[in-house]
Protein backbone atom coordinates (compact mmCIF):
# COMPACT_ATOMS: atom_id res chain seq x y z
CA MET A 1 -35.52 19.18 46.05
CA ALA A 2 -35.47 20.81 49.36
CA LYS A 3 -33.23 23.18 50.22
CA LEU A 4 -30.17 21.97 52.50
CA THR A 5 -29.89 23.85 55.90
CA LYS A 6 -26.84 23.86 58.05
CA GLN A 7 -28.69 21.81 60.73
CA PHE A 8 -29.51 19.23 57.93
CA CYS A 9 -25.48 19.00 57.21
CA GLU A 10 -24.38 19.21 60.69
CA LYS A 11 -26.56 16.03 61.85
CA LYS A 12 -25.31 13.89 58.38
CA ILE A 13 -21.55 14.63 59.93
CA GLU A 14 -22.23 13.88 63.36
CA GLU A 15 -23.74 10.43 61.60
CA TYR A 16 -20.51 9.76 59.24
CA LEU A 17 -18.37 10.42 62.43
CA LYS A 18 -20.01 7.72 64.23
CA ASN A 19 -19.76 5.42 61.36
CA LEU A 20 -15.68 5.90 61.11
CA GLU A 21 -15.70 5.47 64.78
CA GLU A 22 -17.50 2.02 64.41
CA ARG A 23 -14.90 1.22 61.75
CA LYS A 24 -12.26 2.25 63.27
CA GLY A 25 -11.11 5.39 61.13
CA LEU A 26 -11.56 3.60 57.93
CA VAL A 27 -13.15 5.58 54.90
CA CYS A 28 -14.36 3.64 51.71
CA ALA A 29 -11.14 2.77 49.66
CA ILE A 30 -11.10 -0.75 49.23
CA LEU A 31 -7.45 -0.32 50.53
CA ASP A 32 -9.70 -1.08 53.44
CA ASP A 33 -9.94 -4.49 53.30
CA TYR A 34 -6.64 -4.98 53.72
CA ASP A 35 -3.50 -4.71 56.26
CA ILE A 36 -1.34 -2.64 53.97
CA LYS A 37 1.79 -3.22 55.70
CA LYS A 38 1.01 -7.14 55.71
CA ASP A 39 -0.84 -7.83 52.42
CA ILE A 40 0.29 -5.68 50.08
CA LYS A 41 3.91 -5.83 49.72
CA SER A 42 4.85 -4.00 45.81
CA ILE A 43 3.59 -1.40 44.26
CA GLU A 44 2.51 -3.80 41.37
CA LYS A 45 0.21 -5.43 43.76
CA ALA A 46 -1.19 -2.29 45.12
CA ILE A 47 -1.95 -0.97 41.34
CA GLU A 48 -3.70 -4.41 40.28
CA ILE A 49 -5.71 -4.28 43.36
CA ALA A 50 -6.80 -0.77 43.16
CA ALA A 51 -7.51 -0.94 39.30
CA LYS A 52 -9.32 -4.27 39.47
CA SER A 53 -11.46 -2.65 42.35
CA LEU A 54 -11.77 -6.23 44.20
CA CYS A 55 -12.17 -6.97 47.82
CA LYS A 56 -10.51 -10.02 49.56
CA CYS A 57 -13.94 -11.76 48.34
CA ASP A 58 -13.03 -11.36 44.83
CA LYS A 59 -15.95 -9.21 44.26
CA LYS A 60 -15.81 -5.61 42.76
CA HIS A 61 -16.54 -2.47 44.92
CA TYR A 62 -20.24 -1.11 44.06
CA HIS A 63 -18.41 2.03 42.49
CA GLN A 64 -17.19 -0.23 39.58
CA ALA A 65 -19.68 -2.62 39.82
CA ARG A 66 -21.21 -1.44 36.05
CA ILE A 67 -17.25 -1.64 34.58
CA PRO A 68 -16.51 -4.39 32.72
CA ARG A 69 -13.63 -6.58 34.34
CA ARG A 70 -11.54 -6.53 31.44
CA ILE A 71 -11.39 -2.58 31.30
CA LEU A 72 -10.37 -2.52 34.91
CA ILE A 73 -7.53 -4.73 34.10
CA LYS A 74 -6.65 -2.63 31.13
CA PHE A 75 -6.44 0.19 33.28
CA GLY A 76 -4.16 -1.68 35.98
CA LYS A 77 -2.04 -2.78 32.82
CA GLU A 78 -1.46 0.90 31.85
CA LEU A 79 -0.94 1.99 35.20
CA LEU A 80 1.76 -0.59 35.41
CA LYS A 81 3.65 0.61 32.58
CA ILE A 82 4.34 4.13 34.77
CA LYS A 83 4.65 2.37 38.05
CA SER A 84 8.23 3.86 38.42
CA GLU A 85 6.50 7.56 38.38
CA ILE A 86 3.76 6.18 40.33
CA SER A 87 5.46 4.74 42.93
CA LYS A 88 7.69 8.22 43.19
CA ALA A 89 4.84 10.53 43.79
CA LYS A 90 4.84 12.18 46.78
CA LYS A 91 1.49 14.10 46.87
CA PHE A 92 -1.86 13.04 45.90
CA HIS A 93 -2.72 15.36 43.41
CA GLU A 94 0.65 14.08 41.48
CA LEU A 95 -0.41 10.56 41.63
CA PHE A 96 -4.38 11.76 40.55
CA LYS A 97 -3.05 13.29 37.35
CA LEU A 98 -0.52 10.15 36.53
CA VAL A 99 -3.80 7.94 36.93
CA GLU A 100 -6.17 10.44 35.01
CA LYS A 101 -3.77 10.64 32.38
CA GLU A 102 -3.62 6.92 31.81
CA GLY A 103 -7.35 6.59 32.52
CA LYS A 104 -8.68 9.01 30.00
CA LYS A 105 -7.17 6.97 27.49
CA ILE A 106 -9.49 4.10 28.03
CA HIS A 107 -13.11 4.19 27.15
CA GLY A 108 -15.16 2.77 30.23
CA ILE A 109 -13.07 4.54 32.37
CA GLY A 110 -14.72 7.79 34.22
CA LYS A 111 -13.94 10.37 36.65
CA LEU A 112 -15.25 8.32 39.93
CA ALA A 113 -12.93 5.18 38.64
CA ILE A 114 -9.64 7.03 38.17
CA TYR A 115 -10.17 9.35 41.81
CA ASP A 116 -11.06 5.47 43.52
CA VAL A 117 -7.90 3.69 42.01
CA ALA A 118 -6.06 7.05 42.90
CA LEU A 119 -7.15 6.93 46.09
CA ARG A 120 -6.07 3.24 46.38
CA ILE A 121 -2.78 3.52 45.36
CA GLY A 122 -2.15 6.43 47.39
CA GLY A 123 -3.49 4.70 50.32
CA TYR A 124 -0.59 1.97 50.01
CA LEU A 125 1.95 5.09 49.30
CA GLY A 126 0.63 6.56 52.61
CA ILE A 127 -0.25 9.81 50.53
CA GLU A 128 -4.04 11.36 50.80
CA PRO A 129 -5.85 14.10 49.16
CA LYS A 130 -5.40 17.39 50.14
CA LYS A 131 -8.47 19.17 47.72
CA ILE A 132 -12.00 17.55 47.49
CA TYR A 133 -12.23 15.99 44.02
CA SER A 134 -15.25 16.65 42.03
CA HIS A 135 -16.70 13.63 39.97
CA ALA A 136 -20.14 11.77 40.34
CA GLY A 137 -22.44 11.89 43.31
CA THR A 138 -19.77 14.54 44.70
CA GLU A 139 -19.93 16.82 41.75
CA ILE A 140 -23.98 16.87 42.56
CA GLY A 141 -23.79 17.10 46.22
CA LEU A 142 -21.05 20.10 45.71
CA LYS A 143 -23.56 22.01 44.04
CA LYS A 144 -26.16 21.28 46.19
CA VAL A 145 -24.34 22.32 49.41
CA ILE A 146 -22.78 25.23 47.53
CA ARG A 147 -26.25 26.63 45.96
CA ASP A 148 -27.91 25.95 49.20
CA LEU A 149 -25.18 27.30 51.46
CA GLU A 150 -23.59 29.89 49.96
CA GLU A 151 -24.52 33.52 48.71
CA LYS A 152 -25.28 33.53 45.29
CA ILE A 153 -22.74 35.23 43.81
CA ARG A 154 -19.81 33.37 46.07
CA ALA A 155 -21.22 30.27 45.02
CA LYS A 156 -21.24 31.44 41.15
CA GLU A 157 -17.60 31.58 41.58
CA LEU A 158 -17.39 28.30 43.60
CA LEU A 159 -19.15 26.49 40.82
CA LYS A 160 -17.05 28.08 38.39
CA GLN A 161 -14.34 27.17 40.12
CA ILE A 162 -15.02 23.32 40.23
CA LYS A 163 -15.82 23.00 36.91
CA ARG A 164 -12.36 24.43 35.50
CA ASP A 165 -10.11 22.89 38.22
CA GLY A 166 -12.21 19.56 38.68
CA TYR A 167 -11.42 20.09 42.79
CA ILE A 168 -11.81 22.71 45.31
CA ASN A 169 -10.39 23.06 48.71
CA LYS A 170 -11.59 22.23 52.15
CA ASN A 171 -11.28 25.96 53.14
CA GLU A 172 -13.58 27.17 50.25
CA LEU A 173 -16.53 24.73 51.55
CA PRO A 174 -19.79 26.37 53.25
CA GLU A 175 -18.57 27.04 56.93
CA VAL A 176 -20.43 23.64 58.24
CA PHE A 177 -18.26 21.05 55.88
CA ARG A 178 -14.45 23.47 56.26
CA SER A 179 -15.01 23.92 60.17
CA SER A 180 -15.40 20.07 60.68
CA GLU A 181 -12.68 17.37 61.67
CA LEU A 182 -13.39 15.56 58.60
CA THR A 183 -10.39 15.16 56.12
CA PRO A 184 -10.90 15.80 52.45
CA SER A 185 -11.67 11.93 51.61
CA GLN A 186 -13.99 11.80 54.02
CA LEU A 187 -15.56 14.99 53.09
CA GLU A 188 -15.69 13.48 49.55
CA ASP A 189 -17.44 10.81 50.57
CA ILE A 190 -20.29 12.16 52.63
CA LEU A 191 -20.92 14.97 49.64
CA CYS A 192 -21.04 12.32 47.64
CA GLY A 193 -23.85 10.45 49.74
CA ILE A 194 -25.56 14.07 49.64
CA GLY A 195 -25.60 13.85 46.15
CA LYS A 196 -26.96 10.46 46.14
CA GLU A 197 -30.20 11.07 48.55
CA LEU A 198 -29.55 13.81 50.54
CA GLY A 199 -27.54 12.45 53.28
CA ALA A 200 -27.93 8.21 53.03
CA VAL A 201 -24.11 8.59 53.31
CA ARG A 202 -22.01 4.82 52.82
CA VAL A 203 -18.72 4.42 53.86
CA PHE A 204 -18.91 0.25 53.40
CA SER A 205 -16.93 -1.81 51.15
CA CYS A 206 -18.13 -5.39 50.62
CA LYS A 207 -20.23 -6.62 53.27
CA LYS A 208 -18.63 -10.10 52.85
CA CYS A 209 -15.25 -8.92 53.66
């Protein structure tokens, strides 16, 4: 795999920002397909939609396409048991840890599903990530940009930290990313794209919606 350059990353950020402008600033969470204030009127409904990973057309988001529906429904039921705690979350990391705790109990629910579900519920609660969480394609993307754009010793320290904590702060990313106007959740999205195919960023949910 070719080494990433600052210019390559700048181009991908530019393309991503253009996509965001076309999508009116939306990021790839299922709640993008809903008017939160109009369509989702309760924490119970927000949890149900988030866990099932469904768009309005009743099709699963591609991130969770391989997870059996019964597993996602079970995840939702477990989260509903702690809906009071979830509704009181004031910070995304607090919400994430609640979702993670329940998700780890269910075979078939991995890091990506946990993050996505927390992100969707966070959309309803009005809280968003302040860190970039490591999972699936994002983890691959993070490792790639850090190894290619940071000095060897610094890269080793950061990778060790990510493995330990499961996330990284925006101000710890290579300069081209930390100086961008992208939010942590948007950086997670673009790093996931880089991790998958060196820059093919996907910000869309279901094309039928």
